[in-house]
Amino acid sequence: MEFNGARSAEELASTLASMEADYGPFDARLGEPLLSAGDILAENGDYLQARNFLERALHVTRINQGLYSEPQIAIVERLIDCNVAVEDWDAVDDNFRYLHLLYSRLYDRGSDQWNYGLAQVSDWHIVAINNNLGSDMTDHLREANKLFRQRLTLAEKAGNVDEGTLEILRHNVDMTAFHLRKNQQQQEGGLVTERVYSRLESRYNDRESSVASLD
């Protein structure tokens, strides 16, 4: 799709609006132009507008090629790049979770494509944990632990994975499990502390009672 020199979001939107008037908003012929517009804007550093076009391209692709189709993977990867650029970590997390869904639906468990996809997603969770990105670190740990366990189980069954890779997977399974237990203990400790403070506060406010009773 040639945009005849159009580079700004407004110019690209105008060109695409003309196409929509001719074809309709969900026509398959809009997919590539929307993707091209997103690429142009991302190259120019206009990541928010690029994201809008890419999300529309993803929607058009879903409608015309089905809920789960290979062309969606490249679009989601472009969305990840845009969301990383604007540091929208919750959106990045949503993108990777959808990428996980695509790889799980499109490819057989244990296949090269499946392994590649899950490696990307588990790497994201590790990056998020190490850099405190996003709003729910416990969920990142939980998802990472699940993915590493899946990958380790299949790698051990395959029998053709080098020992170094297996050791890394085992280490990541153990470490994510350790931090999950640690987080759980901290949360449980916090609940106990909260109950103690609440109990003491009620005692201070209750001047008529001179003896504490068992709960």
Protein backbone atom coordinates (compact mmCIF):
# COMPACT_ATOMS: atom_id res chain seq x y z
CA MET A 1 0.00 0.00 0.00
CA GLU A 2 1.42 3.37 -1.06
CA PHE A 3 0.42 6.40 0.97
CA ASN A 4 1.72 8.91 -1.61
CA GLY A 5 4.03 10.66 0.85
CA ALA A 6 1.60 10.65 3.78
CA ARG A 7 3.62 10.51 7.00
CA SER A 8 1.57 12.14 9.79
CA ALA A 9 -1.18 10.40 11.72
CA GLU A 10 -3.73 12.81 10.25
CA GLU A 11 -2.64 12.16 6.66
CA LEU A 12 -2.59 8.41 7.15
CA ALA A 13 -5.99 8.46 8.85
CA SER A 14 -7.44 10.48 5.97
CA THR A 15 -6.12 8.02 3.39
CA LEU A 16 -7.46 5.06 5.34
CA ALA A 17 -10.82 6.76 5.82
CA SER A 18 -11.15 6.97 2.04
CA MET A 19 -10.44 3.25 1.79
CA GLU A 20 -12.98 2.49 4.50
CA ALA A 21 -15.58 4.49 2.60
CA ASP A 22 -14.91 2.34 -0.46
CA TYR A 23 -14.57 -1.08 1.20
CA GLY A 24 -16.15 -0.83 4.66
CA PRO A 25 -14.34 -0.68 8.05
CA PHE A 26 -13.63 -4.42 8.35
CA ASP A 27 -12.69 -5.36 4.80
CA ALA A 28 -9.67 -7.66 4.52
CA ARG A 29 -8.02 -5.18 2.14
CA LEU A 30 -7.57 -2.75 5.04
CA GLY A 31 -5.27 -5.08 6.97
CA GLU A 32 -2.01 -4.35 5.17
CA PRO A 33 -2.58 -0.56 4.89
CA LEU A 34 -3.33 -0.35 8.62
CA LEU A 35 -0.19 -2.34 9.37
CA SER A 36 1.89 -0.14 7.05
CA ALA A 37 0.50 3.01 8.68
CA GLY A 38 1.43 1.66 12.11
CA ASP A 39 4.96 0.89 10.92
CA ILE A 40 5.40 4.39 9.44
CA LEU A 41 4.28 6.10 12.65
CA ALA A 42 6.42 3.83 14.83
CA GLU A 43 9.46 4.66 12.69
CA ASN A 44 8.65 8.35 13.24
CA GLY A 45 8.43 7.83 17.01
CA ASP A 46 4.66 8.38 17.20
CA TYR A 47 4.08 5.20 19.16
CA LEU A 48 0.64 6.01 20.56
CA GLN A 49 -0.86 6.67 17.13
CA ALA A 50 1.02 3.68 15.73
CA ARG A 51 -0.58 1.56 18.42
CA ASN A 52 -4.05 2.71 17.36
CA PHE A 53 -3.47 1.63 13.75
CA LEU A 54 -1.91 -1.68 14.80
CA GLU A 55 -4.84 -2.48 17.09
CA ARG A 56 -7.20 -1.83 14.19
CA ALA A 57 -5.08 -4.05 11.95
CA LEU A 58 -5.29 -6.81 14.56
CA HIS A 59 -9.07 -6.45 14.76
CA VAL A 60 -9.48 -6.61 10.98
CA THR A 61 -7.21 -9.67 10.84
CA ARG A 62 -9.23 -11.45 13.53
CA ILE A 63 -12.47 -10.79 11.68
CA ASN A 64 -11.20 -11.98 8.32
CA GLN A 65 -8.78 -14.77 9.24
CA GLY A 66 -10.30 -16.13 12.43
CA LEU A 67 -9.76 -15.56 16.14
CA TYR A 68 -6.40 -17.35 16.10
CA SER A 69 -4.27 -16.93 12.98
CA GLU A 70 -0.53 -16.74 12.34
CA PRO A 71 -0.57 -13.20 10.86
CA GLN A 72 -1.71 -11.92 14.26
CA ILE A 73 1.64 -12.87 15.80
CA ALA A 74 3.61 -10.26 13.83
CA ILE A 75 1.03 -7.58 14.66
CA VAL A 76 1.12 -8.36 18.38
CA GLU A 77 4.93 -8.24 18.32
CA ARG A 78 4.73 -4.76 16.77
CA LEU A 79 2.26 -3.74 19.50
CA ILE A 80 4.71 -4.98 22.12
CA ASP A 81 7.45 -2.77 20.64
CA CYS A 82 5.15 0.28 20.76
CA ASN A 83 3.99 -0.39 24.31
CA VAL A 84 7.56 -0.94 25.50
CA ALA A 85 8.53 2.39 23.88
CA VAL A 86 5.85 4.26 25.88
CA GLU A 87 6.49 2.11 29.00
CA ASP A 88 2.90 0.90 29.22
CA TRP A 89 3.85 -2.26 31.08
CA ASP A 90 0.32 -3.49 31.75
CA ALA A 91 -0.39 -3.28 28.01
CA VAL A 92 2.86 -5.14 27.30
CA ASP A 93 1.73 -7.84 29.72
CA ASP A 94 -1.65 -8.09 27.96
CA ASN A 95 0.15 -8.40 24.61
CA PHE A 96 2.38 -11.21 25.84
CA ARG A 97 -0.57 -13.07 27.35
CA TYR A 98 -2.37 -12.88 24.04
CA LEU A 99 0.81 -14.02 22.28
CA HIS A 100 0.87 -17.00 24.65
CA LEU A 101 -2.72 -17.79 23.68
CA LEU A 102 -1.89 -17.60 19.97
CA TYR A 103 1.12 -19.91 20.22
CA SER A 104 -0.86 -22.34 22.38
CA ARG A 105 -3.77 -22.46 19.92
CA LEU A 106 -1.78 -22.48 16.69
CA TYR A 107 1.04 -24.94 17.41
CA ASP A 108 1.42 -28.40 18.92
CA ARG A 109 2.84 -28.62 22.43
CA GLY A 110 6.56 -29.28 22.27
CA SER A 111 6.94 -28.14 18.66
CA ASP A 112 9.71 -25.71 17.76
CA GLN A 113 7.18 -22.91 17.23
CA TRP A 114 5.49 -23.63 20.55
CA ASN A 115 8.83 -23.67 22.38
CA TYR A 116 9.88 -20.42 20.74
CA GLY A 117 6.62 -18.69 21.69
CA LEU A 118 6.66 -19.86 25.30
CA ALA A 119 10.31 -18.85 25.62
CA GLN A 120 9.37 -15.30 24.59
CA VAL A 121 6.50 -15.14 27.07
CA SER A 122 8.44 -16.61 30.00
CA ASP A 123 11.35 -14.26 29.26
CA TRP A 124 8.92 -11.33 29.49
CA HIS A 125 7.74 -12.45 32.93
CA ILE A 126 11.36 -12.71 34.13
CA VAL A 127 12.16 -9.23 32.76
CA ALA A 128 9.04 -7.86 34.49
CA ILE A 129 9.98 -9.51 37.80
CA ASN A 130 13.62 -8.40 37.69
CA ASN A 131 12.68 -4.80 36.86
CA ASN A 132 9.45 -4.53 38.87
CA LEU A 133 7.36 -3.79 35.78
CA GLY A 134 3.59 -3.92 35.98
CA SER A 135 1.09 -3.99 38.81
CA ASP A 136 1.12 -7.64 39.95
CA MET A 137 4.49 -9.25 40.61
CA THR A 138 2.93 -12.32 42.21
CA ASP A 139 1.00 -13.03 39.04
CA HIS A 140 4.20 -12.68 36.99
CA LEU A 141 5.88 -15.21 39.28
CA ARG A 142 2.94 -17.59 39.05
CA GLU A 143 2.81 -17.41 35.25
CA ALA A 144 6.59 -17.74 34.89
CA ASN A 145 6.64 -20.78 37.18
CA LYS A 146 3.86 -22.45 35.19
CA LEU A 147 5.58 -21.79 31.86
CA PHE A 148 8.99 -22.96 33.04
CA ARG A 149 7.47 -26.16 34.46
CA GLN A 150 5.72 -26.85 31.15
CA ARG A 151 8.90 -26.26 29.19
CA LEU A 152 10.98 -28.38 31.58
CA THR A 153 8.54 -31.32 31.49
CA LEU A 154 8.48 -31.41 27.70
CA ALA A 155 12.25 -30.87 27.41
CA GLU A 156 12.94 -33.81 29.74
CA LYS A 157 10.53 -36.03 27.81
CA ALA A 158 12.07 -35.05 24.47
CA GLY A 159 15.45 -36.40 25.52
CA ASN A 160 17.35 -34.25 23.02
CA VAL A 161 17.73 -31.02 25.00
CA ASP A 162 21.23 -30.20 26.23
CA GLU A 163 21.92 -30.39 29.95
CA GLY A 164 22.76 -26.70 30.19
CA THR A 165 19.30 -25.70 29.00
CA LEU A 166 17.68 -28.20 31.38
CA GLU A 167 19.66 -26.78 34.30
CA ILE A 168 18.52 -23.24 33.48
CA LEU A 169 14.90 -24.38 33.30
CA ARG A 170 15.20 -26.25 36.63
CA HIS A 171 16.81 -23.21 38.23
CA ASN A 172 14.01 -20.94 37.01
CA VAL A 173 11.34 -23.37 38.23
CA ASP A 174 12.99 -23.50 41.67
CA MET A 175 13.55 -19.74 41.95
CA THR A 176 10.05 -18.72 40.87
CA ALA A 177 8.59 -21.29 43.30
CA PHE A 178 10.84 -19.94 46.09
CA HIS A 179 9.75 -16.34 45.53
CA LEU A 180 6.10 -17.39 45.33
CA ARG A 181 6.40 -19.07 48.75
CA LYS A 182 8.23 -16.03 50.10
CA ASN A 183 5.50 -13.68 48.85
CA GLN A 184 2.82 -15.90 50.36
CA GLN A 185 4.59 -15.93 53.73
CA GLN A 186 4.94 -12.15 53.66
CA GLN A 187 1.26 -11.73 52.84
CA GLU A 188 0.25 -14.11 55.62
CA GLY A 189 2.56 -12.30 58.01
CA GLY A 190 1.00 -9.00 57.00
CA LEU A 191 -2.47 -10.34 57.77
CA VAL A 192 -1.35 -11.49 61.22
CA THR A 193 0.22 -8.08 61.92
CA GLU A 194 -2.97 -6.33 60.81
CA ARG A 195 -5.06 -8.50 63.14
CA VAL A 196 -2.72 -7.76 66.07
CA TYR A 197 -2.89 -3.99 65.51
CA SER A 198 -6.66 -4.16 65.12
CA ARG A 199 -6.96 -6.10 68.36
CA LEU A 200 -4.69 -3.72 70.27
CA GLU A 201 -6.55 -0.70 68.93
CA SER A 202 -9.87 -2.12 70.08
CA ARG A 203 -8.36 -2.77 73.53
CA TYR A 204 -7.13 0.82 73.81
CA ASN A 205 -10.57 2.11 72.87
CA ASP A 206 -12.41 -0.23 75.25
CA ARG A 207 -11.78 1.39 78.64
CA GLU A 208 -14.42 -0.71 80.42
CA SER A 209 -12.68 -4.04 79.80
CA SER A 210 -9.56 -4.65 81.88
CA VAL A 211 -8.71 -8.20 80.76
CA ALA A 212 -8.07 -9.38 77.21
CA SER A 213 -9.99 -12.49 76.21
CA LEU A 214 -9.02 -15.20 73.72
CA ASP A 215 -10.48 -14.77 70.22
